[in-house]
Amino acid sequence: IGDASDNLNFAYANGKADFITLCHQDDYYAPEYLEYVS
């Protein structure tokens, strides 16, 4: 379908990892984001 909800569900379903961060294209992250999360 390609609307916002479908796109997020698709992105998550196709992410192959134990931990997933879904990034919105408007936003951005501090360099240490994943360091603190890890």
PDB file of all heavy atoms in Angstrom:
ATOM      1  N   ILE A   1       0.827  -1.208   0.000  1.00  0.00           N
ATOM      2  CA  ILE A   1       0.000   0.000   0.000  1.00  0.00           C
ATOM      3  C   ILE A   1       0.861   1.259   0.000  1.00  0.00           C
ATOM      4  O   ILE A   1       0.564   2.239  -0.669  1.00  0.00           O
ATOM      5  CB  ILE A   1      -0.958  -0.005   1.208  1.00  0.00           C
ATOM      6  CG1 ILE A   1      -1.945  -1.173   1.078  1.00  0.00           C
ATOM      7  CG2 ILE A   1      -1.704   1.326   1.314  1.00  0.00           C
ATOM      8  CD1 ILE A   1      -2.797  -1.387   2.299  1.00  0.00           C
ATOM      9  N   GLY A   2       1.909   1.270   0.800  1.00  0.00           N
ATOM     10  CA  GLY A   2       2.868   2.360   0.750  1.00  0.00           C
ATOM     11  C   GLY A   2       2.520   3.596   1.540  1.00  0.00           C
ATOM     12  O   GLY A   2       3.131   4.643   1.340  1.00  0.00           O
ATOM     13  N   ASP A   3       1.516   3.519   2.442  1.00  0.00           N
ATOM     14  CA  ASP A   3       1.279   4.673   3.315  1.00  0.00           C
ATOM     15  C   ASP A   3       2.251   4.588   4.492  1.00  0.00           C
ATOM     16  O   ASP A   3       3.059   3.659   4.602  1.00  0.00           O
ATOM     17  CB  ASP A   3      -0.174   4.742   3.771  1.00  0.00           C
ATOM     18  CG  ASP A   3      -0.615   3.535   4.585  1.00  0.00           C
ATOM     19  OD1 ASP A   3       0.246   2.741   5.014  1.00  0.00           O
ATOM     20  OD2 ASP A   3      -1.839   3.374   4.794  1.00  0.00           O
ATOM     21  N   ALA A   4       2.188   5.570   5.391  1.00  0.00           N
ATOM     22  CA  ALA A   4       3.176   5.658   6.465  1.00  0.00           C
ATOM     23  C   ALA A   4       3.193   4.413   7.348  1.00  0.00           C
ATOM     24  O   ALA A   4       4.261   3.870   7.660  1.00  0.00           O
ATOM     25  CB  ALA A   4       2.899   6.901   7.312  1.00  0.00           C
ATOM     26  N   SER A   5       2.015   3.935   7.752  1.00  0.00           N
ATOM     27  CA  SER A   5       1.956   2.770   8.627  1.00  0.00           C
ATOM     28  C   SER A   5       2.478   1.526   7.926  1.00  0.00           C
ATOM     29  O   SER A   5       3.251   0.743   8.495  1.00  0.00           O
ATOM     30  CB  SER A   5       0.510   2.539   9.096  1.00  0.00           C
ATOM     31  OG  SER A   5       0.052   3.633   9.862  1.00  0.00           O
ATOM     32  N   ASP A   6       2.068   1.336   6.681  1.00  0.00           N
ATOM     33  CA  ASP A   6       2.522   0.171   5.911  1.00  0.00           C
ATOM     34  C   ASP A   6       4.028   0.216   5.708  1.00  0.00           C
ATOM     35  O   ASP A   6       4.715  -0.815   5.800  1.00  0.00           O
ATOM     36  CB  ASP A   6       1.802   0.142   4.562  1.00  0.00           C
ATOM     37  CG  ASP A   6       2.190  -1.065   3.722  1.00  0.00           C
ATOM     38  OD1 ASP A   6       2.034  -2.205   4.211  1.00  0.00           O
ATOM     39  OD2 ASP A   6       2.650  -0.881   2.587  1.00  0.00           O
ATOM     40  N   ASN A   7       4.569   1.397   5.441  1.00  0.00           N
ATOM     41  CA  ASN A   7       6.013   1.530   5.235  1.00  0.00           C
ATOM     42  C   ASN A   7       6.797   1.180   6.487  1.00  0.00           C
ATOM     43  O   ASN A   7       7.837   0.509   6.420  1.00  0.00           O
ATOM     44  CB  ASN A   7       6.356   2.954   4.786  1.00  0.00           C
ATOM     45  CG  ASN A   7       5.951   3.219   3.347  1.00  0.00           C
ATOM     46  OD1 ASN A   7       5.812   2.294   2.550  1.00  0.00           O
ATOM     47  ND2 ASN A   7       5.748   4.484   3.010  1.00  0.00           N
ATOM     48  N   LEU A   8       6.317   1.618   7.642  1.00  0.00           N
ATOM     49  CA  LEU A   8       7.003   1.307   8.893  1.00  0.00           C
ATOM     50  C   LEU A   8       6.913  -0.179   9.225  1.00  0.00           C
ATOM     51  O   LEU A   8       7.895  -0.792   9.647  1.00  0.00           O
ATOM     52  CB  LEU A   8       6.429   2.152  10.029  1.00  0.00           C
ATOM     53  CG  LEU A   8       6.790   3.640   9.974  1.00  0.00           C
ATOM     54  CD1 LEU A   8       5.908   4.445  10.927  1.00  0.00           C
ATOM     55  CD2 LEU A   8       8.264   3.850  10.320  1.00  0.00           C
ATOM     56  N   ASN A   9       5.739  -0.766   9.022  1.00  0.00           N
ATOM     57  CA  ASN A   9       5.582  -2.197   9.271  1.00  0.00           C
ATOM     58  C   ASN A   9       6.492  -3.010   8.347  1.00  0.00           C
ATOM     59  O   ASN A   9       7.114  -3.995   8.768  1.00  0.00           O
ATOM     60  CB  ASN A   9       4.124  -2.617   9.072  1.00  0.00           C
ATOM     61  CG  ASN A   9       3.224  -2.128  10.184  1.00  0.00           C
ATOM     62  OD1 ASN A   9       3.652  -1.961  11.318  1.00  0.00           O
ATOM     63  ND2 ASN A   9       1.964  -1.893   9.875  1.00  0.00           N
ATOM     64  N   PHE A  10       6.572  -2.603   7.063  1.00  0.00           N
ATOM     65  CA  PHE A  10       7.425  -3.284   6.097  1.00  0.00           C
ATOM     66  C   PHE A  10       8.897  -3.168   6.495  1.00  0.00           C
ATOM     67  O   PHE A  10       9.645  -4.158   6.462  1.00  0.00           O
ATOM     68  CB  PHE A  10       7.206  -2.681   4.705  1.00  0.00           C
ATOM     69  CG  PHE A  10       8.144  -3.207   3.655  1.00  0.00           C
ATOM     70  CD1 PHE A  10       7.871  -4.398   2.992  1.00  0.00           C
ATOM     71  CD2 PHE A  10       9.300  -2.495   3.319  1.00  0.00           C
ATOM     72  CE1 PHE A  10       8.742  -4.881   2.020  1.00  0.00           C
ATOM     73  CE2 PHE A  10      10.171  -2.979   2.348  1.00  0.00           C
ATOM     74  CZ  PHE A  10       9.894  -4.173   1.701  1.00  0.00           C
ATOM     75  N   ALA A  11       9.307  -1.968   6.864  1.00  0.00           N
ATOM     76  CA  ALA A  11      10.701  -1.744   7.249  1.00  0.00           C
ATOM     77  C   ALA A  11      11.086  -2.617   8.433  1.00  0.00           C
ATOM     78  O   ALA A  11      12.163  -3.229   8.451  1.00  0.00           O
ATOM     79  CB  ALA A  11      10.915  -0.264   7.575  1.00  0.00           C
ATOM     80  N   TYR A  12      10.203  -2.685   9.406  1.00  0.00           N
ATOM     81  CA  TYR A  12      10.503  -3.478  10.604  1.00  0.00           C
ATOM     82  C   TYR A  12      10.522  -4.968  10.282  1.00  0.00           C
ATOM     83  O   TYR A  12      11.428  -5.698  10.709  1.00  0.00           O
ATOM     84  CB  TYR A  12       9.458  -3.196  11.689  1.00  0.00           C
ATOM     85  CG  TYR A  12       9.803  -3.795  13.028  1.00  0.00           C
ATOM     86  CD1 TYR A  12      10.723  -3.162  13.852  1.00  0.00           C
ATOM     87  CD2 TYR A  12       9.210  -4.969  13.474  1.00  0.00           C
ATOM     88  CE1 TYR A  12      11.054  -3.695  15.098  1.00  0.00           C
ATOM     89  CE2 TYR A  12       9.535  -5.510  14.710  1.00  0.00           C
ATOM     90  CZ  TYR A  12      10.448  -4.870  15.514  1.00  0.00           C
ATOM     91  OH  TYR A  12      10.780  -5.405  16.741  1.00  0.00           O
ATOM     92  N   ALA A  13       9.552  -5.428   9.521  1.00  0.00           N
ATOM     93  CA  ALA A  13       9.459  -6.857   9.194  1.00  0.00           C
ATOM     94  C   ALA A  13      10.672  -7.331   8.408  1.00  0.00           C
ATOM     95  O   ALA A  13      11.093  -8.491   8.543  1.00  0.00           O
ATOM     96  CB  ALA A  13       8.180  -7.127   8.404  1.00  0.00           C
ATOM     97  N   ASN A  14      11.247  -6.451   7.599  1.00  0.00           N
ATOM     98  CA  ASN A  14      12.370  -6.841   6.751  1.00  0.00           C
ATOM     99  C   ASN A  14      13.733  -6.512   7.357  1.00  0.00           C
ATOM    100  O   ASN A  14      14.765  -6.724   6.710  1.00  0.00           O
ATOM    101  CB  ASN A  14      12.231  -6.192   5.381  1.00  0.00           C
ATOM    102  CG  ASN A  14      11.143  -6.841   4.543  1.00  0.00           C
ATOM    103  OD1 ASN A  14      11.369  -7.849   3.884  1.00  0.00           O
ATOM    104  ND2 ASN A  14       9.938  -6.277   4.606  1.00  0.00           N
ATOM    105  N   GLY A  15      13.724  -5.989   8.566  1.00  0.00           N
ATOM    106  CA  GLY A  15      14.977  -5.741   9.270  1.00  0.00           C
ATOM    107  C   GLY A  15      15.445  -7.003   9.965  1.00  0.00           C
ATOM    108  O   GLY A  15      14.769  -7.506  10.863  1.00  0.00           O
ATOM    109  N   LYS A  16      16.574  -7.522   9.553  1.00  0.00           N
ATOM    110  CA  LYS A  16      17.079  -8.779  10.091  1.00  0.00           C
ATOM    111  C   LYS A  16      18.182  -8.497  11.111  1.00  0.00           C
ATOM    112  O   LYS A  16      19.361  -8.380  10.781  1.00  0.00           O
ATOM    113  CB  LYS A  16      17.605  -9.671   8.966  1.00  0.00           C
ATOM    114  CG  LYS A  16      16.623  -9.876   7.810  1.00  0.00           C
ATOM    115  CD  LYS A  16      15.293 -10.464   8.275  1.00  0.00           C
ATOM    116  CE  LYS A  16      14.341 -10.673   7.097  1.00  0.00           C
ATOM    117  NZ  LYS A  16      12.992 -11.142   7.540  1.00  0.00           N
ATOM    118  N   ALA A  17      17.772  -8.356  12.351  1.00  0.00           N
ATOM    119  CA  ALA A  17      18.720  -8.100  13.430  1.00  0.00           C
ATOM    120  C   ALA A  17      18.020  -8.342  14.757  1.00  0.00           C
ATOM    121  O   ALA A  17      16.788  -8.393  14.826  1.00  0.00           O
ATOM    122  CB  ALA A  17      19.255  -6.669  13.361  1.00  0.00           C
ATOM    123  N   ASP A  18      18.806  -8.475  15.814  1.00  0.00           N
ATOM    124  CA  ASP A  18      18.220  -8.664  17.143  1.00  0.00           C
ATOM    125  C   ASP A  18      17.634  -7.362  17.678  1.00  0.00           C
ATOM    126  O   ASP A  18      16.628  -7.370  18.388  1.00  0.00           O
ATOM    127  CB  ASP A  18      19.277  -9.196  18.118  1.00  0.00           C
ATOM    128  CG  ASP A  18      19.753 -10.592  17.770  1.00  0.00           C
ATOM    129  OD1 ASP A  18      18.988 -11.333  17.115  1.00  0.00           O
ATOM    130  OD2 ASP A  18      20.889 -10.946  18.133  1.00  0.00           O
ATOM    131  N   PHE A  19      18.281  -6.231  17.331  1.00  0.00           N
ATOM    132  CA  PHE A  19      17.811  -4.917  17.773  1.00  0.00           C
ATOM    133  C   PHE A  19      17.697  -4.000  16.560  1.00  0.00           C
ATOM    134  O   PHE A  19      18.601  -3.945  15.721  1.00  0.00           O
ATOM    135  CB  PHE A  19      18.764  -4.316  18.804  1.00  0.00           C
ATOM    136  CG  PHE A  19      18.775  -5.055  20.117  1.00  0.00           C
ATOM    137  CD1 PHE A  19      19.665  -6.098  20.326  1.00  0.00           C
ATOM    138  CD2 PHE A  19      17.885  -4.721  21.123  1.00  0.00           C
ATOM    139  CE1 PHE A  19      19.667  -6.797  21.534  1.00  0.00           C
ATOM    140  CE2 PHE A  19      17.875  -5.412  22.326  1.00  0.00           C
ATOM    141  CZ  PHE A  19      18.767  -6.455  22.526  1.00  0.00           C
ATOM    142  N   ILE A  20      16.564  -3.281  16.477  1.00  0.00           N
ATOM    143  CA  ILE A  20      16.283  -2.437  15.316  1.00  0.00           C
ATOM    144  C   ILE A  20      15.875  -1.039  15.748  1.00  0.00           C
ATOM    145  O   ILE A  20      15.023  -0.871  16.629  1.00  0.00           O
ATOM    146  CB  ILE A  20      15.175  -3.058  14.452  1.00  0.00           C
ATOM    147  CG1 ILE A  20      15.666  -4.357  13.802  1.00  0.00           C
ATOM    148  CG2 ILE A  20      14.697  -2.080  13.378  1.00  0.00           C
ATOM    149  CD1 ILE A  20      14.618  -5.044  12.941  1.00  0.00           C
ATOM    150  N   THR A  21      16.471  -0.046  15.109  1.00  0.00           N
ATOM    151  CA  THR A  21      16.053   1.345  15.265  1.00  0.00           C
ATOM    152  C   THR A  21      15.451   1.801  13.944  1.00  0.00           C
ATOM    153  O   THR A  21      16.119   1.742  12.909  1.00  0.00           O
ATOM    154  CB  THR A  21      17.246   2.259  15.619  1.00  0.00           C
ATOM    155  OG1 THR A  21      17.910   1.755  16.784  1.00  0.00           O
ATOM    156  CG2 THR A  21      16.763   3.683  15.891  1.00  0.00           C
ATOM    157  N   LEU A  22      14.178   2.222  13.977  1.00  0.00           N
ATOM    158  CA  LEU A  22      13.512   2.734  12.785  1.00  0.00           C
ATOM    159  C   LEU A  22      13.722   4.241  12.712  1.00  0.00           C
ATOM    160  O   LEU A  22      13.248   4.985  13.572  1.00  0.00           O
ATOM    161  CB  LEU A  22      12.013   2.421  12.820  1.00  0.00           C
ATOM    162  CG  LEU A  22      11.598   0.970  12.605  1.00  0.00           C
ATOM    163  CD1 LEU A  22      10.078   0.836  12.709  1.00  0.00           C
ATOM    164  CD2 LEU A  22      12.077   0.448  11.263  1.00  0.00           C
ATOM    165  N   CYS A  23      14.430   4.690  11.697  1.00  0.00           N
ATOM    166  CA  CYS A  23      14.768   6.105  11.565  1.00  0.00           C
ATOM    167  C   CYS A  23      13.793   6.809  10.630  1.00  0.00           C
ATOM    168  O   CYS A  23      13.536   6.320   9.525  1.00  0.00           O
ATOM    169  CB  CYS A  23      16.180   6.262  11.002  1.00  0.00           C
ATOM    170  SG  CYS A  23      17.441   5.304  11.865  1.00  0.00           S
ATOM    171  N   HIS A  24      13.267   7.942  11.045  1.00  0.00           N
ATOM    172  CA  HIS A  24      12.442   8.771  10.183  1.00  0.00           C
ATOM    173  C   HIS A  24      13.354   9.713   9.407  1.00  0.00           C
ATOM    174  O   HIS A  24      14.262  10.321   9.985  1.00  0.00           O
ATOM    175  CB  HIS A  24      11.446   9.572  11.023  1.00  0.00           C
ATOM    176  CG  HIS A  24      10.497   8.713  11.794  1.00  0.00           C
ATOM    177  ND1 HIS A  24       9.422   9.226  12.480  1.00  0.00           N
ATOM    178  CD2 HIS A  24      10.450   7.373  12.009  1.00  0.00           C
ATOM    179  CE1 HIS A  24       8.754   8.246  13.063  1.00  0.00           C
ATOM    180  NE2 HIS A  24       9.365   7.119  12.801  1.00  0.00           N
ATOM    181  N   GLN A  25      13.117   9.881   8.144  1.00  0.00           N
ATOM    182  CA  GLN A  25      14.054  10.600   7.283  1.00  0.00           C
ATOM    183  C   GLN A  25      14.243  12.071   7.659  1.00  0.00           C
ATOM    184  O   GLN A  25      15.258  12.669   7.312  1.00  0.00           O
ATOM    185  CB  GLN A  25      13.596  10.505   5.834  1.00  0.00           C
ATOM    186  CG  GLN A  25      12.238  11.156   5.562  1.00  0.00           C
ATOM    187  CD  GLN A  25      11.750  10.942   4.143  1.00  0.00           C
ATOM    188  OE1 GLN A  25      12.452  10.377   3.318  1.00  0.00           O
ATOM    189  NE2 GLN A  25      10.540  11.403   3.852  1.00  0.00           N
ATOM    190  N   ASP A  26      13.312  12.649   8.382  1.00  0.00           N
ATOM    191  CA  ASP A  26      13.445  14.046   8.799  1.00  0.00           C
ATOM    192  C   ASP A  26      14.424  14.226   9.961  1.00  0.00           C
ATOM    193  O   ASP A  26      14.923  15.328  10.181  1.00  0.00           O
ATOM    194  CB  ASP A  26      12.091  14.612   9.251  1.00  0.00           C
ATOM    195  CG  ASP A  26      11.119  14.801   8.097  1.00  0.00           C
ATOM    196  OD1 ASP A  26      11.584  14.893   6.959  1.00  0.00           O
ATOM    197  OD2 ASP A  26       9.904  14.855   8.348  1.00  0.00           O
ATOM    198  N   ASP A  27      14.661  13.151  10.701  1.00  0.00           N
ATOM    199  CA  ASP A  27      15.358  13.263  11.977  1.00  0.00           C
ATOM    200  C   ASP A  27      16.821  12.827  11.865  1.00  0.00           C
ATOM    201  O   ASP A  27      17.233  12.215  10.885  1.00  0.00           O
ATOM    202  CB  ASP A  27      14.629  12.421  13.030  1.00  0.00           C
ATOM    203  CG  ASP A  27      13.152  12.798  13.142  1.00  0.00           C
ATOM    204  OD1 ASP A  27      12.829  13.987  12.964  1.00  0.00           O
ATOM    205  OD2 ASP A  27      12.336  11.892  13.385  1.00  0.00           O
ATOM    206  N   TYR A  28      17.605  13.121  12.893  1.00  0.00           N
ATOM    207  CA  TYR A  28      19.006  12.709  12.878  1.00  0.00           C
ATOM    208  C   TYR A  28      19.476  12.443  14.308  1.00  0.00           C
ATOM    209  O   TYR A  28      18.826  12.831  15.292  1.00  0.00           O
ATOM    210  CB  TYR A  28      19.885  13.748  12.184  1.00  0.00           C
ATOM    211  CG  TYR A  28      19.752  15.173  12.689  1.00  0.00           C
ATOM    212  CD1 TYR A  28      20.617  15.686  13.655  1.00  0.00           C
ATOM    213  CD2 TYR A  28      18.767  16.026  12.177  1.00  0.00           C
ATOM    214  CE1 TYR A  28      20.508  16.986  14.096  1.00  0.00           C
ATOM    215  CE2 TYR A  28      18.653  17.340  12.612  1.00  0.00           C
ATOM    216  CZ  TYR A  28      19.536  17.820  13.570  1.00  0.00           C
ATOM    217  OH  TYR A  28      19.413  19.106  14.021  1.00  0.00           O
ATOM    218  N   TYR A  29      20.619  11.752  14.416  1.00  0.00           N
ATOM    219  CA  TYR A  29      21.069  11.180  15.677  1.00  0.00           C
ATOM    220  C   TYR A  29      22.438  11.722  16.090  1.00  0.00           C
ATOM    221  O   TYR A  29      23.295  11.991  15.240  1.00  0.00           O
ATOM    222  CB  TYR A  29      21.156   9.652  15.557  1.00  0.00           C
ATOM    223  CG  TYR A  29      19.817   9.012  15.285  1.00  0.00           C
ATOM    224  CD1 TYR A  29      19.264   9.026  14.008  1.00  0.00           C
ATOM    225  CD2 TYR A  29      19.073   8.436  16.314  1.00  0.00           C
ATOM    226  CE1 TYR A  29      18.014   8.473  13.758  1.00  0.00           C
ATOM    227  CE2 TYR A  29      17.829   7.882  16.077  1.00  0.00           C
ATOM    228  CZ  TYR A  29      17.301   7.910  14.789  1.00  0.00           C
ATOM    229  OH  TYR A  29      16.058   7.365  14.548  1.00  0.00           O
ATOM    230  N   ALA A  30      22.625  11.853  17.401  1.00  0.00           N
ATOM    231  CA  ALA A  30      23.936  12.190  17.925  1.00  0.00           C
ATOM    232  C   ALA A  30      24.882  11.019  17.658  1.00  0.00           C
ATOM    233  O   ALA A  30      24.449   9.857  17.646  1.00  0.00           O
ATOM    234  CB  ALA A  30      23.849  12.453  19.433  1.00  0.00           C
ATOM    235  N   PRO A  31      26.165  11.277  17.446  1.00  0.00           N
ATOM    236  CA  PRO A  31      27.109  10.189  17.148  1.00  0.00           C
ATOM    237  C   PRO A  31      27.149   9.112  18.224  1.00  0.00           C
ATOM    238  O   PRO A  31      27.451   7.951  17.935  1.00  0.00           O
ATOM    239  CB  PRO A  31      28.460  10.912  17.048  1.00  0.00           C
ATOM    240  CG  PRO A  31      28.116  12.326  16.709  1.00  0.00           C
ATOM    241  CD  PRO A  31      26.814  12.602  17.406  1.00  0.00           C
ATOM    242  N   GLU A  32      26.795   9.472  19.454  1.00  0.00           N
ATOM    243  CA  GLU A  32      26.883   8.519  20.566  1.00  0.00           C
ATOM    244  C   GLU A  32      25.571   7.769  20.814  1.00  0.00           C
ATOM    245  O   GLU A  32      25.485   7.015  21.795  1.00  0.00           O
ATOM    246  CB  GLU A  32      27.281   9.260  21.862  1.00  0.00           C
ATOM    247  CG  GLU A  32      28.580  10.035  21.788  1.00  0.00           C
ATOM    248  CD  GLU A  32      28.406  11.426  21.155  1.00  0.00           C
ATOM    249  OE1 GLU A  32      27.248  11.861  21.000  1.00  0.00           O
ATOM    250  OE2 GLU A  32      29.429  12.048  20.827  1.00  0.00           O
ATOM    251  N   TYR A  33      24.560   7.988  19.958  1.00  0.00           N
ATOM    252  CA  TYR A  33      23.262   7.335  20.200  1.00  0.00           C
ATOM    253  C   TYR A  33      23.420   5.836  20.420  1.00  0.00           C
ATOM    254  O   TYR A  33      23.006   5.290  21.459  1.00  0.00           O
ATOM    255  CB  TYR A  33      22.318   7.596  19.018  1.00  0.00           C
ATOM    256  CG  TYR A  33      21.042   6.766  19.086  1.00  0.00           C
ATOM    257  CD1 TYR A  33      19.931   7.201  19.805  1.00  0.00           C
ATOM    258  CD2 TYR A  33      20.956   5.522  18.450  1.00  0.00           C
ATOM    259  CE1 TYR A  33      18.776   6.427  19.889  1.00  0.00           C
ATOM    260  CE2 TYR A  33      19.801   4.745  18.526  1.00  0.00           C
ATOM    261  CZ  TYR A  33      18.723   5.203  19.251  1.00  0.00           C
ATOM    262  OH  TYR A  33      17.585   4.427  19.331  1.00  0.00           O
ATOM    263  N   LEU A  34      24.008   5.144  19.481  1.00  0.00           N
ATOM    264  CA  LEU A  34      24.093   3.681  19.581  1.00  0.00           C
ATOM    265  C   LEU A  34      25.059   3.246  20.672  1.00  0.00           C
ATOM    266  O   LEU A  34      24.881   2.180  21.269  1.00  0.00           O
ATOM    267  CB  LEU A  34      24.497   3.074  18.238  1.00  0.00           C
ATOM    268  CG  LEU A  34      24.388   1.557  18.131  1.00  0.00           C
ATOM    269  CD1 LEU A  34      22.993   1.069  18.514  1.00  0.00           C
ATOM    270  CD2 LEU A  34      24.748   1.087  16.723  1.00  0.00           C
ATOM    271  N   GLU A  35      26.048   4.067  20.963  1.00  0.00           N
ATOM    272  CA  GLU A  35      26.975   3.755  22.054  1.00  0.00           C
ATOM    273  C   GLU A  35      26.220   3.662  23.380  1.00  0.00           C
ATOM    274  O   GLU A  35      26.404   2.705  24.150  1.00  0.00           O
ATOM    275  CB  GLU A  35      28.053   4.836  22.127  1.00  0.00           C
ATOM    276  CG  GLU A  35      29.097   4.609  23.216  1.00  0.00           C
ATOM    277  CD  GLU A  35      30.153   5.696  23.233  1.00  0.00           C
ATOM    278  OE1 GLU A  35      30.380   6.329  22.167  1.00  0.00           O
ATOM    279  OE2 GLU A  35      30.750   5.926  24.298  1.00  0.00           O
ATOM    280  N   TYR A  36      25.360   4.628  23.637  1.00  0.00           N
ATOM    281  CA  TYR A  36      24.577   4.602  24.879  1.00  0.00           C
ATOM    282  C   TYR A  36      23.548   3.473  24.859  1.00  0.00           C
ATOM    283  O   TYR A  36      23.323   2.815  25.885  1.00  0.00           O
ATOM    284  CB  TYR A  36      23.874   5.949  25.082  1.00  0.00           C
ATOM    285  CG  TYR A  36      24.747   6.995  25.713  1.00  0.00           C
ATOM    286  CD1 TYR A  36      25.442   7.923  24.936  1.00  0.00           C
ATOM    287  CD2 TYR A  36      24.893   7.068  27.099  1.00  0.00           C
ATOM    288  CE1 TYR A  36      26.250   8.887  25.508  1.00  0.00           C
ATOM    289  CE2 TYR A  36      25.695   8.031  27.689  1.00  0.00           C
ATOM    290  CZ  TYR A  36      26.378   8.938  26.889  1.00  0.00           C
ATOM    291  OH  TYR A  36      27.176   9.884  27.473  1.00  0.00           O
ATOM    292  N   VAL A  37      22.924   3.248  23.720  1.00  0.00           N
ATOM    293  CA  VAL A  37      21.948   2.158  23.620  1.00  0.00           C
ATOM    294  C   VAL A  37      22.623   0.812  23.847  1.00  0.00           C
ATOM    295  O   VAL A  37      22.105  -0.045  24.576  1.00  0.00           O
ATOM    296  CB  VAL A  37      21.235   2.192  22.255  1.00  0.00           C
ATOM    297  CG1 VAL A  37      20.418   0.921  22.026  1.00  0.00           C
ATOM    298  CG2 VAL A  37      20.323   3.412  22.157  1.00  0.00           C
ATOM    299  N   SER A  38      23.789   0.617  23.252  1.00  0.00           N
ATOM    300  CA  SER A  38      24.523  -0.644  23.414  1.00  0.00           C
ATOM    301  C   SER A  38      24.885  -0.895  24.868  1.00  0.00           C
ATOM    302  O   SER A  38      24.757  -2.018  25.374  1.00  0.00           O
ATOM    303  CB  SER A  38      25.796  -0.628  22.559  1.00  0.00           C
ATOM    304  OG  SER A  38      25.502  -0.461  21.193  1.00  0.00           O
TER     305      SER A  38
END
